[in-house]
N, C-alpha and C. Protein backbone atom coordinates (compact mmCIF):
# COMPACT_ATOMS: atom_id res chain seq x y z
N UNK A 1 155.18 187.79 15.04
CA UNK A 1 156.10 188.59 15.85
C UNK A 1 157.52 188.39 15.33
N UNK A 2 158.18 189.49 15.03
CA UNK A 2 159.52 189.41 14.47
C UNK A 2 160.54 189.14 15.57
N UNK A 3 161.54 188.29 15.23
CA UNK A 3 162.61 188.03 16.19
C UNK A 3 163.67 189.11 16.08
N UNK A 4 164.21 189.49 17.21
CA UNK A 4 165.26 190.50 17.20
C UNK A 4 166.53 189.87 16.64
N UNK A 5 167.31 190.63 15.84
CA UNK A 5 168.56 190.08 15.30
C UNK A 5 169.54 189.77 16.42
N UNK A 6 170.36 188.79 16.21
CA UNK A 6 171.36 188.40 17.21
C UNK A 6 171.78 186.98 17.01
N UNK A 7 172.64 186.50 17.88
CA UNK A 7 173.16 185.13 17.70
C UNK A 7 172.22 184.09 18.26
N UNK A 8 171.25 184.50 19.05
CA UNK A 8 170.36 183.53 19.66
C UNK A 8 171.03 182.76 20.77
N UNK A 9 172.14 183.30 21.28
CA UNK A 9 172.91 182.60 22.32
C UNK A 9 172.29 182.88 23.68
N UNK A 10 172.15 181.87 24.47
CA UNK A 10 171.69 182.05 25.83
C UNK A 10 172.84 182.48 26.72
N UNK A 11 172.54 182.91 27.92
CA UNK A 11 173.61 183.35 28.83
C UNK A 11 174.59 182.25 29.17
N UNK A 12 174.09 181.00 29.19
CA UNK A 12 175.00 179.90 29.49
C UNK A 12 176.06 179.72 28.41
N UNK A 13 175.64 179.83 27.13
CA UNK A 13 176.57 179.67 26.02
C UNK A 13 177.56 180.82 25.96
N UNK A 14 177.07 182.02 26.23
CA UNK A 14 177.97 183.18 26.26
C UNK A 14 179.01 183.03 27.36
N UNK A 15 178.57 182.55 28.53
CA UNK A 15 179.49 182.33 29.64
C UNK A 15 180.54 181.29 29.32
N UNK A 16 180.10 180.22 28.63
CA UNK A 16 181.04 179.17 28.24
C UNK A 16 182.08 179.70 27.27
N UNK A 17 181.62 180.53 26.32
CA UNK A 17 182.55 181.12 25.36
C UNK A 17 183.56 182.03 26.03
N UNK A 18 183.10 182.81 26.99
CA UNK A 18 183.99 183.71 27.72
C UNK A 18 185.01 182.91 28.53
N UNK A 19 184.55 181.83 29.16
CA UNK A 19 185.44 180.99 29.95
C UNK A 19 186.51 180.35 29.08
N UNK A 20 186.10 179.91 27.88
CA UNK A 20 187.05 179.30 26.95
C UNK A 20 188.09 180.32 26.50
N UNK A 21 187.63 181.55 26.21
CA UNK A 21 188.56 182.60 25.78
C UNK A 21 189.58 182.92 26.87
N UNK A 22 189.12 182.95 28.12
CA UNK A 22 190.02 183.22 29.24
C UNK A 22 191.03 182.09 29.39
N UNK A 23 190.56 180.84 29.25
CA UNK A 23 191.45 179.68 29.40
C UNK A 23 192.52 179.67 28.31
N UNK A 24 192.11 179.93 27.06
CA UNK A 24 193.06 179.95 25.94
C UNK A 24 194.06 181.08 26.14
N UNK A 25 193.55 182.26 26.52
CA UNK A 25 194.44 183.39 26.75
C UNK A 25 195.41 183.12 27.88
N UNK A 26 194.92 182.47 28.95
CA UNK A 26 195.78 182.13 30.07
C UNK A 26 196.88 181.16 29.69
N UNK A 27 196.55 180.20 28.81
CA UNK A 27 197.53 179.22 28.35
C UNK A 27 198.68 179.92 27.61
N UNK A 28 198.33 180.80 26.67
CA UNK A 28 199.38 181.47 25.90
C UNK A 28 200.16 182.45 26.75
N UNK A 29 199.51 183.06 27.73
CA UNK A 29 200.22 183.93 28.66
C UNK A 29 201.24 183.13 29.47
N UNK A 30 200.82 181.95 29.93
CA UNK A 30 201.73 181.09 30.70
C UNK A 30 202.94 180.68 29.87
N UNK A 31 202.73 180.33 28.60
CA UNK A 31 203.83 179.93 27.72
C UNK A 31 204.78 181.10 27.52
N UNK A 32 204.25 182.30 27.33
CA UNK A 32 205.10 183.47 27.12
C UNK A 32 205.92 183.78 28.37
N UNK A 33 205.32 183.66 29.54
CA UNK A 33 206.06 183.87 30.79
C UNK A 33 207.17 182.84 30.90
N UNK A 34 206.86 181.58 30.58
CA UNK A 34 207.85 180.50 30.65
C UNK A 34 209.00 180.76 29.68
N UNK A 35 208.69 181.22 28.49
CA UNK A 35 209.71 181.51 27.48
C UNK A 35 210.65 182.61 27.96
N UNK A 36 210.08 183.61 28.61
CA UNK A 36 210.91 184.72 29.10
C UNK A 36 211.75 184.32 30.30
N UNK A 37 211.21 183.47 31.15
CA UNK A 37 211.97 183.01 32.32
C UNK A 37 213.07 182.03 31.94
N UNK A 38 212.79 181.15 30.97
CA UNK A 38 213.72 180.09 30.61
C UNK A 38 213.96 180.08 29.10
N UNK A 39 214.59 181.13 28.56
CA UNK A 39 214.80 181.18 27.11
C UNK A 39 215.64 180.03 26.58
N UNK A 40 216.47 179.45 27.45
CA UNK A 40 217.28 178.30 27.03
C UNK A 40 216.43 177.09 26.70
N UNK A 41 215.16 177.09 27.09
CA UNK A 41 214.28 175.95 26.84
C UNK A 41 213.45 176.08 25.58
N UNK A 42 213.65 177.17 24.82
CA UNK A 42 212.83 177.43 23.63
C UNK A 42 213.72 177.83 22.45
N UNK A 43 213.67 177.04 21.39
CA UNK A 43 214.36 177.43 20.16
C UNK A 43 213.65 178.67 19.60
N UNK A 44 214.43 179.62 19.12
CA UNK A 44 213.85 180.82 18.56
C UNK A 44 213.47 181.86 19.61
N UNK A 45 213.97 181.70 20.83
CA UNK A 45 213.65 182.65 21.90
C UNK A 45 214.45 183.93 21.80
N UNK A 46 215.47 183.92 20.94
CA UNK A 46 216.35 185.07 20.82
C UNK A 46 217.64 184.89 21.59
N UNK A 47 217.73 183.85 22.42
CA UNK A 47 218.95 183.53 23.14
C UNK A 47 219.35 182.10 22.82
N UNK A 48 220.66 181.79 22.93
CA UNK A 48 221.10 180.42 22.62
C UNK A 48 220.38 179.40 23.48
N UNK A 49 219.77 178.39 22.88
CA UNK A 49 219.02 177.39 23.66
C UNK A 49 219.88 176.19 24.07
N UNK A 50 219.57 175.65 25.22
CA UNK A 50 220.13 174.35 25.60
C UNK A 50 219.41 173.25 24.83
N UNK A 51 218.13 173.43 24.58
CA UNK A 51 217.36 172.40 23.87
C UNK A 51 217.85 172.28 22.44
N UNK A 52 217.70 171.10 21.89
CA UNK A 52 218.14 170.84 20.52
C UNK A 52 219.03 169.63 20.47
N UNK A 53 219.74 169.48 19.37
CA UNK A 53 220.57 168.30 19.12
C UNK A 53 222.04 168.65 19.25
N UNK A 54 222.75 167.84 20.02
CA UNK A 54 224.19 168.01 20.25
C UNK A 54 224.90 166.72 19.86
N UNK A 55 226.03 166.85 19.17
CA UNK A 55 226.72 165.68 18.60
C UNK A 55 228.23 165.85 18.77
N UNK A 56 228.92 164.74 18.94
CA UNK A 56 230.37 164.80 18.96
C UNK A 56 231.02 163.46 19.22
N UNK A 57 232.31 163.35 18.89
CA UNK A 57 233.08 162.15 19.22
C UNK A 57 233.65 162.25 20.62
N UNK A 58 234.00 161.11 21.20
CA UNK A 58 234.71 161.12 22.47
C UNK A 58 235.49 159.81 22.61
N UNK A 59 236.37 159.79 23.60
CA UNK A 59 237.23 158.64 23.82
C UNK A 59 237.06 158.16 25.26
N UNK A 60 236.86 156.88 25.43
CA UNK A 60 236.68 156.32 26.77
C UNK A 60 238.03 156.25 27.50
N UNK A 61 237.97 155.87 28.78
CA UNK A 61 239.18 155.81 29.58
C UNK A 61 240.22 154.83 29.06
N UNK A 62 239.76 153.77 28.40
CA UNK A 62 240.70 152.77 27.87
C UNK A 62 241.12 153.08 26.43
N UNK A 63 240.62 154.18 25.90
CA UNK A 63 241.01 154.57 24.55
C UNK A 63 240.03 154.20 23.45
N UNK A 64 238.86 153.67 23.81
CA UNK A 64 237.85 153.33 22.80
C UNK A 64 237.28 154.62 22.21
N UNK A 65 237.14 154.64 20.89
CA UNK A 65 236.59 155.81 20.20
C UNK A 65 235.09 155.61 19.98
N UNK A 66 234.28 156.60 20.39
CA UNK A 66 232.83 156.53 20.28
C UNK A 66 232.29 157.87 19.78
N UNK A 67 231.00 157.88 19.51
CA UNK A 67 230.30 159.12 19.15
C UNK A 67 228.99 159.16 19.93
N UNK A 68 228.53 160.38 20.23
CA UNK A 68 227.30 160.54 21.00
C UNK A 68 226.42 161.61 20.38
N UNK A 69 225.13 161.38 20.47
CA UNK A 69 224.11 162.39 20.11
C UNK A 69 223.17 162.53 21.30
N UNK A 70 222.87 163.77 21.66
CA UNK A 70 221.87 164.03 22.69
C UNK A 70 220.84 164.99 22.11
N UNK A 71 219.57 164.61 22.18
CA UNK A 71 218.44 165.50 21.89
C UNK A 71 217.85 165.91 23.24
N UNK A 72 217.81 167.20 23.50
CA UNK A 72 217.27 167.69 24.77
C UNK A 72 216.03 168.53 24.51
N UNK A 73 214.99 168.30 25.28
CA UNK A 73 213.76 169.09 25.19
C UNK A 73 213.35 169.54 26.58
N UNK A 74 212.68 170.69 26.64
CA UNK A 74 212.07 171.14 27.88
C UNK A 74 210.67 170.54 27.95
N UNK A 75 210.37 169.86 29.03
CA UNK A 75 209.05 169.23 29.18
C UNK A 75 207.97 170.30 29.06
N UNK A 76 206.93 170.08 28.24
CA UNK A 76 205.87 171.09 28.07
C UNK A 76 205.27 171.53 29.40
N UNK A 77 205.03 172.82 29.51
CA UNK A 77 204.46 173.38 30.73
C UNK A 77 203.09 172.79 31.00
N UNK A 78 202.88 172.27 32.21
CA UNK A 78 201.57 171.76 32.59
C UNK A 78 201.26 170.37 32.10
N UNK A 79 202.27 169.63 31.58
CA UNK A 79 201.98 168.26 31.13
C UNK A 79 201.42 167.43 32.29
N UNK A 80 200.35 166.70 32.00
CA UNK A 80 199.75 165.85 33.00
C UNK A 80 198.83 166.57 33.96
N UNK A 81 198.63 167.87 33.73
CA UNK A 81 197.73 168.62 34.60
C UNK A 81 196.51 169.07 33.81
N UNK A 82 195.42 169.33 34.49
CA UNK A 82 194.18 169.70 33.81
C UNK A 82 194.28 171.09 33.19
N UNK A 83 195.07 171.96 33.79
CA UNK A 83 195.23 173.31 33.26
C UNK A 83 196.70 173.67 33.20
N UNK A 84 197.02 174.75 32.49
CA UNK A 84 198.40 175.19 32.36
C UNK A 84 198.73 176.16 33.49
N UNK A 85 199.70 175.82 34.34
CA UNK A 85 200.06 176.74 35.42
C UNK A 85 200.75 177.98 34.86
N UNK A 86 200.60 179.10 35.53
CA UNK A 86 201.25 180.32 35.08
C UNK A 86 202.75 180.25 35.30
N UNK A 87 203.18 179.64 36.39
CA UNK A 87 204.60 179.58 36.74
C UNK A 87 205.06 178.13 36.81
N UNK A 88 206.18 177.84 36.16
CA UNK A 88 206.79 176.51 36.25
C UNK A 88 207.54 176.43 37.58
N UNK A 89 207.24 175.42 38.36
CA UNK A 89 207.88 175.25 39.66
C UNK A 89 208.47 173.86 39.78
N UNK A 90 209.38 173.69 40.75
CA UNK A 90 209.98 172.40 41.06
C UNK A 90 210.72 171.84 39.85
N UNK A 91 212.04 172.02 39.83
CA UNK A 91 212.83 171.68 38.65
C UNK A 91 212.89 170.18 38.36
N UNK A 92 212.33 169.34 39.20
CA UNK A 92 212.39 167.90 38.99
C UNK A 92 211.79 167.51 37.64
N UNK A 93 212.56 166.80 36.84
CA UNK A 93 212.11 166.26 35.54
C UNK A 93 211.64 167.35 34.59
N UNK A 94 212.37 168.44 34.53
CA UNK A 94 212.07 169.48 33.53
C UNK A 94 212.59 169.09 32.15
N UNK A 95 213.63 168.26 32.11
CA UNK A 95 214.29 167.94 30.84
C UNK A 95 213.99 166.50 30.44
N UNK A 96 213.91 166.28 29.13
CA UNK A 96 213.74 164.94 28.60
C UNK A 96 214.38 164.88 27.23
N UNK A 97 214.52 163.68 26.71
CA UNK A 97 215.11 163.56 25.37
C UNK A 97 215.59 162.15 25.11
N UNK A 98 216.57 162.04 24.25
CA UNK A 98 217.14 160.74 23.89
C UNK A 98 218.64 160.88 23.74
N UNK A 99 219.31 159.75 23.88
CA UNK A 99 220.76 159.69 23.73
C UNK A 99 221.09 158.53 22.81
N UNK A 100 221.97 158.78 21.85
CA UNK A 100 222.49 157.73 20.98
C UNK A 100 224.00 157.65 21.18
N UNK A 101 224.52 156.43 21.26
CA UNK A 101 225.95 156.21 21.38
C UNK A 101 226.35 155.12 20.41
N UNK A 102 227.46 155.33 19.71
CA UNK A 102 227.92 154.29 18.79
C UNK A 102 229.42 154.12 18.91
N UNK A 103 229.91 152.95 18.50
CA UNK A 103 231.34 152.70 18.41
C UNK A 103 231.69 152.15 17.04
N UNK A 104 230.84 152.42 16.07
CA UNK A 104 231.08 152.00 14.70
C UNK A 104 229.79 152.02 13.90
N UNK A 105 229.88 151.86 12.58
CA UNK A 105 228.69 151.89 11.74
C UNK A 105 227.67 150.83 12.15
N UNK A 106 226.44 151.24 12.41
CA UNK A 106 225.37 150.30 12.75
C UNK A 106 225.40 149.79 14.17
N UNK A 107 226.41 150.17 14.95
CA UNK A 107 226.49 149.70 16.34
C UNK A 107 226.06 150.85 17.26
N UNK A 108 224.76 150.99 17.43
CA UNK A 108 224.20 152.14 18.13
C UNK A 108 223.39 151.69 19.34
N UNK A 109 223.59 152.36 20.48
CA UNK A 109 222.75 152.17 21.66
C UNK A 109 221.75 153.31 21.71
N UNK A 110 220.46 152.96 21.87
CA UNK A 110 219.38 153.96 21.95
C UNK A 110 218.91 154.07 23.39
N UNK A 111 218.94 155.28 23.93
CA UNK A 111 218.51 155.49 25.31
C UNK A 111 217.56 156.68 25.39
N UNK A 112 216.68 156.64 26.38
CA UNK A 112 215.86 157.81 26.66
C UNK A 112 216.41 158.47 27.91
N UNK A 113 216.21 159.79 28.00
CA UNK A 113 216.83 160.55 29.08
C UNK A 113 215.81 161.45 29.75
N UNK A 114 216.02 161.70 31.02
CA UNK A 114 215.22 162.68 31.75
C UNK A 114 216.08 163.25 32.86
N UNK A 115 215.77 164.47 33.27
CA UNK A 115 216.56 165.09 34.32
C UNK A 115 216.13 166.51 34.57
N UNK A 116 217.03 167.30 35.10
CA UNK A 116 216.67 168.66 35.46
C UNK A 116 217.90 169.57 35.47
N UNK A 117 217.66 170.86 35.28
CA UNK A 117 218.74 171.83 35.46
C UNK A 117 219.00 172.01 36.95
N UNK A 118 220.25 172.32 37.30
CA UNK A 118 220.56 172.55 38.71
C UNK A 118 220.20 173.96 39.15
N UNK A 119 219.96 174.85 38.19
CA UNK A 119 219.52 176.21 38.51
C UNK A 119 218.62 176.69 37.38
N UNK A 120 217.99 177.83 37.54
CA UNK A 120 217.02 178.30 36.55
C UNK A 120 217.67 178.75 35.25
N UNK A 121 218.99 178.93 35.25
CA UNK A 121 219.69 179.31 34.03
C UNK A 121 220.21 178.09 33.27
N UNK A 122 220.06 176.91 33.85
CA UNK A 122 220.56 175.67 33.25
C UNK A 122 222.06 175.72 33.01
N UNK A 123 222.77 176.50 33.83
CA UNK A 123 224.22 176.56 33.69
C UNK A 123 224.85 175.20 33.98
N UNK A 124 224.17 174.42 34.84
CA UNK A 124 224.54 173.03 35.07
C UNK A 124 223.26 172.20 35.07
N UNK A 125 223.35 170.99 34.57
CA UNK A 125 222.19 170.11 34.51
C UNK A 125 222.66 168.67 34.56
N UNK A 126 221.74 167.78 34.85
CA UNK A 126 222.11 166.37 34.80
C UNK A 126 220.94 165.56 34.24
N UNK A 127 221.29 164.47 33.59
CA UNK A 127 220.32 163.57 32.96
C UNK A 127 220.61 162.14 33.37
N UNK A 128 219.57 161.39 33.64
CA UNK A 128 219.69 159.96 33.82
C UNK A 128 219.14 159.27 32.58
N UNK A 129 219.66 158.13 32.23
CA UNK A 129 219.23 157.44 31.02
C UNK A 129 218.74 156.03 31.34
N UNK A 130 217.96 155.49 30.41
CA UNK A 130 217.53 154.10 30.47
C UNK A 130 217.40 153.60 29.04
N UNK A 131 217.62 152.31 28.81
CA UNK A 131 217.55 151.77 27.44
C UNK A 131 216.18 152.00 26.81
N UNK A 132 216.18 152.34 25.54
CA UNK A 132 214.95 152.49 24.78
C UNK A 132 214.69 151.16 24.10
N UNK A 133 214.03 150.26 24.81
CA UNK A 133 213.90 148.88 24.35
C UNK A 133 212.98 148.73 23.15
N UNK A 134 212.25 149.81 22.78
CA UNK A 134 211.40 149.72 21.60
C UNK A 134 212.21 149.75 20.31
N UNK A 135 213.51 150.09 20.42
CA UNK A 135 214.38 150.13 19.24
C UNK A 135 215.54 149.15 19.44
N UNK A 136 215.99 148.51 18.35
CA UNK A 136 217.10 147.58 18.48
C UNK A 136 218.38 148.33 18.84
N UNK A 137 219.15 147.78 19.79
CA UNK A 137 220.41 148.39 20.20
C UNK A 137 221.51 147.35 20.21
N UNK A 138 222.72 147.81 19.97
CA UNK A 138 223.86 146.91 20.03
C UNK A 138 224.46 146.94 21.43
N UNK A 139 225.28 145.95 21.73
CA UNK A 139 226.01 145.95 22.98
C UNK A 139 227.16 146.94 22.91
N UNK A 140 227.57 147.43 24.07
CA UNK A 140 228.70 148.35 24.11
C UNK A 140 228.53 149.37 25.21
N UNK A 141 229.45 150.34 25.26
CA UNK A 141 229.43 151.36 26.29
C UNK A 141 228.28 152.33 26.10
N UNK A 142 227.66 152.71 27.22
CA UNK A 142 226.55 153.67 27.19
C UNK A 142 226.57 154.46 28.49
N UNK A 143 226.04 155.68 28.51
CA UNK A 143 226.02 156.45 29.75
C UNK A 143 224.80 156.12 30.61
N UNK A 144 225.02 156.00 31.91
CA UNK A 144 223.90 155.88 32.84
C UNK A 144 223.47 157.27 33.32
N UNK A 145 224.44 158.19 33.43
CA UNK A 145 224.17 159.56 33.84
C UNK A 145 225.07 160.50 33.05
N UNK A 146 224.54 161.68 32.78
CA UNK A 146 225.29 162.73 32.10
C UNK A 146 225.19 164.01 32.94
N UNK A 147 226.34 164.65 33.16
CA UNK A 147 226.40 165.88 33.93
C UNK A 147 226.94 166.96 33.01
N UNK A 148 226.16 168.02 32.79
CA UNK A 148 226.52 169.00 31.78
C UNK A 148 226.68 170.41 32.32
N UNK A 149 227.43 171.21 31.56
CA UNK A 149 227.58 172.64 31.83
C UNK A 149 227.23 173.39 30.56
N UNK A 150 226.35 174.37 30.67
CA UNK A 150 225.88 175.13 29.51
C UNK A 150 226.15 176.61 29.75
N UNK A 151 226.89 177.23 28.83
CA UNK A 151 227.24 178.64 28.98
C UNK A 151 226.67 179.50 27.86
N UNK A 152 225.73 178.94 27.09
CA UNK A 152 225.12 179.70 26.01
C UNK A 152 225.89 179.65 24.70
N UNK A 153 226.98 178.90 24.65
CA UNK A 153 227.76 178.80 23.41
C UNK A 153 227.27 177.62 22.58
N UNK A 154 227.98 177.34 21.48
CA UNK A 154 227.61 176.23 20.61
C UNK A 154 228.33 174.95 20.96
N UNK A 155 228.92 174.89 22.17
CA UNK A 155 229.53 173.65 22.63
C UNK A 155 228.97 173.32 24.01
N UNK A 156 228.93 172.04 24.30
CA UNK A 156 228.33 171.55 25.54
C UNK A 156 229.33 170.64 26.23
N UNK A 157 229.79 171.05 27.41
CA UNK A 157 230.75 170.25 28.17
C UNK A 157 229.99 169.25 29.03
N UNK A 158 230.37 167.98 28.95
CA UNK A 158 229.68 166.92 29.67
C UNK A 158 230.68 166.01 30.37
N UNK A 159 230.18 165.33 31.40
CA UNK A 159 230.88 164.20 32.00
C UNK A 159 229.90 163.04 32.04
N UNK A 160 230.34 161.88 31.61
CA UNK A 160 229.45 160.72 31.51
C UNK A 160 229.90 159.62 32.46
N UNK A 161 228.94 159.03 33.17
CA UNK A 161 229.17 157.80 33.92
C UNK A 161 228.78 156.65 32.99
N UNK A 162 229.76 155.88 32.56
CA UNK A 162 229.52 154.84 31.56
C UNK A 162 229.33 153.46 32.19
N UNK A 163 228.59 152.64 31.49
CA UNK A 163 228.49 151.22 31.83
C UNK A 163 228.57 150.42 30.54
N UNK A 164 228.84 149.15 30.66
CA UNK A 164 228.88 148.26 29.50
C UNK A 164 227.55 147.55 29.39
N UNK A 165 226.84 147.81 28.31
CA UNK A 165 225.57 147.12 28.08
C UNK A 165 225.84 145.83 27.31
N UNK A 166 225.39 144.75 27.88
CA UNK A 166 225.53 143.43 27.24
C UNK A 166 224.21 142.71 27.38
N UNK A 167 223.41 142.70 26.29
CA UNK A 167 222.07 142.15 26.37
C UNK A 167 221.23 143.00 27.31
N UNK A 168 220.65 142.35 28.32
CA UNK A 168 219.87 143.08 29.32
C UNK A 168 220.69 143.44 30.55
N UNK A 169 222.00 143.17 30.49
CA UNK A 169 222.86 143.42 31.64
C UNK A 169 223.56 144.77 31.53
N UNK A 170 223.77 145.42 32.69
CA UNK A 170 224.55 146.65 32.77
C UNK A 170 225.76 146.35 33.65
N UNK A 171 226.94 146.38 33.05
CA UNK A 171 228.15 145.93 33.74
C UNK A 171 229.05 147.12 34.04
N UNK A 172 229.52 147.20 35.29
CA UNK A 172 230.49 148.21 35.70
C UNK A 172 231.55 147.55 36.55
N UNK A 173 232.69 148.19 36.67
CA UNK A 173 233.75 147.68 37.53
C UNK A 173 234.56 148.84 38.08
N UNK A 174 234.77 148.89 39.38
CA UNK A 174 235.45 150.03 39.99
C UNK A 174 236.88 150.19 39.48
N UNK A 175 237.50 149.09 39.03
CA UNK A 175 238.87 149.17 38.53
C UNK A 175 238.93 149.21 37.01
N UNK A 176 237.77 149.30 36.36
CA UNK A 176 237.72 149.34 34.90
C UNK A 176 237.90 150.79 34.43
N UNK A 177 238.80 151.04 33.48
CA UNK A 177 239.04 152.42 33.05
C UNK A 177 237.85 153.06 32.33
N UNK A 178 236.94 152.25 31.80
CA UNK A 178 235.78 152.79 31.10
C UNK A 178 234.59 152.99 32.02
N UNK A 179 234.33 152.02 32.90
CA UNK A 179 233.10 152.05 33.70
C UNK A 179 233.36 152.26 35.19
N UNK A 180 234.59 152.59 35.54
CA UNK A 180 234.94 152.77 36.95
C UNK A 180 234.37 154.04 37.54
N UNK A 181 234.94 154.46 38.67
CA UNK A 181 234.39 155.60 39.41
C UNK A 181 234.63 156.93 38.70
N UNK A 182 235.60 156.97 37.82
CA UNK A 182 235.94 158.22 37.16
C UNK A 182 235.00 158.48 35.98
N UNK A 183 234.45 159.69 35.91
CA UNK A 183 233.57 160.05 34.80
C UNK A 183 234.39 160.36 33.54
N UNK A 184 233.77 160.12 32.39
CA UNK A 184 234.42 160.37 31.10
C UNK A 184 234.04 161.75 30.59
N UNK A 185 235.01 162.66 30.37
CA UNK A 185 234.69 163.99 29.86
C UNK A 185 234.49 163.96 28.34
N UNK A 186 233.60 164.78 27.85
CA UNK A 186 233.39 164.92 26.41
C UNK A 186 232.78 166.28 26.12
N UNK A 187 232.94 166.70 24.88
CA UNK A 187 232.38 167.98 24.44
C UNK A 187 231.56 167.74 23.17
N UNK A 188 230.30 168.16 23.19
CA UNK A 188 229.43 168.03 22.02
C UNK A 188 229.16 169.41 21.44
N UNK A 189 228.82 169.41 20.16
CA UNK A 189 228.47 170.66 19.47
C UNK A 189 227.12 170.50 18.80
N UNK A 190 226.51 171.61 18.49
CA UNK A 190 225.19 171.55 17.83
C UNK A 190 225.34 170.80 16.51
N UNK A 191 224.40 169.91 16.24
CA UNK A 191 224.51 169.10 15.03
C UNK A 191 223.19 168.45 14.68
N UNK A 192 223.27 167.40 13.89
CA UNK A 192 222.10 166.67 13.40
C UNK A 192 222.35 165.18 13.51
N UNK A 193 221.31 164.40 13.29
CA UNK A 193 221.49 162.95 13.31
C UNK A 193 222.36 162.50 12.14
N UNK A 194 222.31 163.25 11.04
CA UNK A 194 223.18 162.92 9.90
C UNK A 194 224.65 163.11 10.28
N UNK A 195 224.94 164.13 11.08
CA UNK A 195 226.30 164.35 11.57
C UNK A 195 226.74 163.17 12.43
N UNK A 196 225.84 162.71 13.30
CA UNK A 196 226.14 161.56 14.16
C UNK A 196 226.40 160.32 13.33
N UNK A 197 225.56 160.06 12.34
CA UNK A 197 225.73 158.87 11.49
C UNK A 197 227.07 158.92 10.77
N UNK A 198 227.46 160.11 10.32
CA UNK A 198 228.75 160.26 9.63
C UNK A 198 229.91 159.99 10.60
N UNK A 199 229.79 160.46 11.82
CA UNK A 199 230.83 160.18 12.81
C UNK A 199 230.95 158.68 13.08
N UNK A 200 229.81 158.01 13.23
CA UNK A 200 229.82 156.56 13.46
C UNK A 200 230.50 155.84 12.31
N UNK A 201 230.28 156.32 11.10
CA UNK A 201 230.87 155.68 9.93
C UNK A 201 232.39 155.79 9.87
N UNK A 202 232.93 156.74 10.62
CA UNK A 202 234.39 156.93 10.61
C UNK A 202 235.09 156.24 11.78
N UNK A 203 234.33 155.60 12.66
CA UNK A 203 234.95 154.96 13.82
C UNK A 203 235.47 153.56 13.45
């Protein structure tokens, strides 16, 4: 008896294949919706992104000259969930990245950052930082919090709440011009880690 041509697939296998195709299609649909809703979170979206690398020099309240680098990323849609949601909800911890601060060649503080935009356009956002202890860091001024304004240009206006890192200690003083109640303003521009290293070399 001749067998009829075909894949020999049972209905269960065909159903599994169809389910997989729907899941994959749903994932890419969700990403496309997210890209259109939050173009600032995707490089190459056609609009200026907030995500990426920002670099620049700044001066503390007491006149100390420093340089900062911030890498900002949009947390992947559906991270930690079994499936990819169609709509991103709850702005808590949408942003993540790293922060580097230096006050001279080789004197760099490494921090990791997380936070959220204050609105869906990311016109304002804030980040909290913590030491990245997996990498060697020097003592010196570092930001505990960063408050930013993004207008779609190639510059990023920030205010930093600074503290003095000394070993495992975080030191602040209300009457200290660097770590007191007043935030330190700074402006960063799109750049690279090589730009940051060059700035550190000139401090």
